[in-house]
């Protein structure tokens, strides 16, 4: 039997990127939400990730400044480093 513990955070965690966009799978790794791209792929395909409030099944979804990603009870915000 698998037991899954969810973190619940009321605050938004900003994650800085230095490029114009980042793919969803890479973003989850950069934010330290998952340890590997394979795990990110599985969570995305299992409808466990939302982008701007909608379930996203595309691991190559391009995220830009201001996008919000919710995974495992934590909301991450994409921030472009100036």
C-alpha atoms as a PDB file:
ATOM      1  CA  UNK A   1       0.000   0.000   0.000  1.00  0.00           C
ATOM      2  CA  UNK A   2       1.362   3.377  -1.042  1.00  0.00           C
ATOM      3  CA  UNK A   3       0.985   6.308   1.298  1.00  0.00           C
ATOM      4  CA  UNK A   4       1.363   9.750  -0.186  1.00  0.00           C
ATOM      5  CA  UNK A   5       1.974  12.780   2.003  1.00  0.00           C
ATOM      6  CA  UNK A   6       1.005  16.163   0.610  1.00  0.00           C
ATOM      7  CA  UNK A   7       2.508  19.453   1.608  1.00  0.00           C
ATOM      8  CA  UNK A   8       0.057  22.309   1.876  1.00  0.00           C
ATOM      9  CA  UNK A   9       1.428  25.806   1.543  1.00  0.00           C
ATOM     10  CA  UNK A  10      -0.561  29.024   1.460  1.00  0.00           C
ATOM     11  CA  UNK A  11       2.310  31.008  -0.022  1.00  0.00           C
ATOM     12  CA  UNK A  12       3.508  31.109  -3.613  1.00  0.00           C
ATOM     13  CA  UNK A  13       7.112  30.025  -4.136  1.00  0.00           C
ATOM     14  CA  UNK A  14       8.863  32.167  -6.781  1.00  0.00           C
ATOM     15  CA  UNK A  15      11.278  30.341  -9.099  1.00  0.00           C
ATOM     16  CA  UNK A  16      13.597  32.474 -11.234  1.00  0.00           C
ATOM     17  CA  UNK A  17      14.436  31.598 -14.827  1.00  0.00           C
ATOM     18  CA  UNK A  18      17.056  33.300 -16.993  1.00  0.00           C
ATOM     19  CA  UNK A  19      15.529  32.438 -20.373  1.00  0.00           C
ATOM     20  CA  UNK A  20      12.333  33.662 -22.055  1.00  0.00           C
ATOM     21  CA  UNK A  21      10.560  30.382 -21.272  1.00  0.00           C
ATOM     22  CA  UNK A  22      11.068  27.013 -19.616  1.00  0.00           C
ATOM     23  CA  UNK A  23       9.387  23.674 -20.267  1.00  0.00           C
ATOM     24  CA  UNK A  24       7.097  22.378 -17.527  1.00  0.00           C
ATOM     25  CA  UNK A  25       9.129  19.225 -16.942  1.00  0.00           C
ATOM     26  CA  UNK A  26      12.339  21.246 -16.528  1.00  0.00           C
ATOM     27  CA  UNK A  27      10.581  23.771 -14.316  1.00  0.00           C
ATOM     28  CA  UNK A  28       9.519  21.094 -11.827  1.00  0.00           C
ATOM     29  CA  UNK A  29      13.143  19.943 -11.577  1.00  0.00           C
ATOM     30  CA  UNK A  30      14.438  23.528 -11.239  1.00  0.00           C
ATOM     31  CA  UNK A  31      11.937  24.221  -8.458  1.00  0.00           C
ATOM     32  CA  UNK A  32      13.129  21.054  -6.639  1.00  0.00           C
ATOM     33  CA  UNK A  33       9.549  19.756  -6.715  1.00  0.00           C
ATOM     34  CA  UNK A  34      10.772  16.450  -8.184  1.00  0.00           C
ATOM     35  CA  UNK A  35      14.214  14.828  -8.211  1.00  0.00           C
ATOM     36  CA  UNK A  36      14.193  13.722 -11.854  1.00  0.00           C
ATOM     37  CA  UNK A  37      12.660  14.343 -15.251  1.00  0.00           C
ATOM     38  CA  UNK A  38      11.191  10.843 -15.277  1.00  0.00           C
ATOM     39  CA  UNK A  39       9.246  11.534 -12.123  1.00  0.00           C
ATOM     40  CA  UNK A  40       8.096  14.882 -13.507  1.00  0.00           C
ATOM     41  CA  UNK A  41       6.842  13.107 -16.633  1.00  0.00           C
ATOM     42  CA  UNK A  42       4.846  10.623 -14.562  1.00  0.00           C
ATOM     43  CA  UNK A  43       3.243  13.269 -12.352  1.00  0.00           C
ATOM     44  CA  UNK A  44       2.305  15.371 -15.401  1.00  0.00           C
ATOM     45  CA  UNK A  45       0.813  12.387 -17.244  1.00  0.00           C
ATOM     46  CA  UNK A  46      -1.163  11.392 -14.128  1.00  0.00           C
ATOM     47  CA  UNK A  47      -2.910  14.811 -14.096  1.00  0.00           C
ATOM     48  CA  UNK A  48      -1.206  15.870 -10.851  1.00  0.00           C
ATOM     49  CA  UNK A  49       0.124  19.208 -12.147  1.00  0.00           C
ATOM     50  CA  UNK A  50      -1.859  22.347 -12.939  1.00  0.00           C
ATOM     51  CA  UNK A  51      -0.703  25.391 -14.876  1.00  0.00           C
ATOM     52  CA  UNK A  52      -2.628  28.600 -14.266  1.00  0.00           C
ATOM     53  CA  UNK A  53      -5.444  26.632 -12.625  1.00  0.00           C
ATOM     54  CA  UNK A  54      -5.896  24.015 -15.354  1.00  0.00           C
ATOM     55  CA  UNK A  55      -4.601  20.433 -15.452  1.00  0.00           C
ATOM     56  CA  UNK A  56      -1.740  20.231 -17.932  1.00  0.00           C
ATOM     57  CA  UNK A  57      -0.739  16.937 -19.571  1.00  0.00           C
ATOM     58  CA  UNK A  58       2.001  18.430 -21.782  1.00  0.00           C
ATOM     59  CA  UNK A  59       5.430  18.035 -20.215  1.00  0.00           C
ATOM     60  CA  UNK A  60       6.857  20.333 -22.908  1.00  0.00           C
ATOM     61  CA  UNK A  61       4.399  23.149 -22.096  1.00  0.00           C
ATOM     62  CA  UNK A  62       6.274  26.437 -22.327  1.00  0.00           C
ATOM     63  CA  UNK A  63       6.046  28.506 -19.155  1.00  0.00           C
ATOM     64  CA  UNK A  64       6.761  32.232 -19.158  1.00  0.00           C
ATOM     65  CA  UNK A  65       6.985  35.000 -16.571  1.00  0.00           C
ATOM     66  CA  UNK A  66       3.902  35.084 -14.352  1.00  0.00           C
ATOM     67  CA  UNK A  67       2.684  31.516 -14.967  1.00  0.00           C
ATOM     68  CA  UNK A  68       1.674  29.606 -11.850  1.00  0.00           C
ATOM     69  CA  UNK A  69       2.312  25.882 -11.445  1.00  0.00           C
ATOM     70  CA  UNK A  70       0.615  23.900  -8.676  1.00  0.00           C
ATOM     71  CA  UNK A  71       1.978  20.505  -7.665  1.00  0.00           C
ATOM     72  CA  UNK A  72       1.706  18.482  -4.462  1.00  0.00           C
ATOM     73  CA  UNK A  73      -0.053  21.279  -2.569  1.00  0.00           C
ATOM     74  CA  UNK A  74       2.554  23.915  -3.402  1.00  0.00           C
ATOM     75  CA  UNK A  75       2.116  26.777  -5.882  1.00  0.00           C
ATOM     76  CA  UNK A  76       5.199  27.916  -7.786  1.00  0.00           C
ATOM     77  CA  UNK A  77       5.394  31.154  -9.753  1.00  0.00           C
ATOM     78  CA  UNK A  78       7.634  31.628 -12.802  1.00  0.00           C
ATOM     79  CA  UNK A  79       9.720  34.800 -12.413  1.00  0.00           C
ATOM     80  CA  UNK A  80      12.016  36.062 -15.154  1.00  0.00           C
ATOM     81  CA  UNK A  81      15.335  37.249 -13.720  1.00  0.00           C
ATOM     82  CA  UNK A  82      15.994  40.810 -14.842  1.00  0.00           C
END
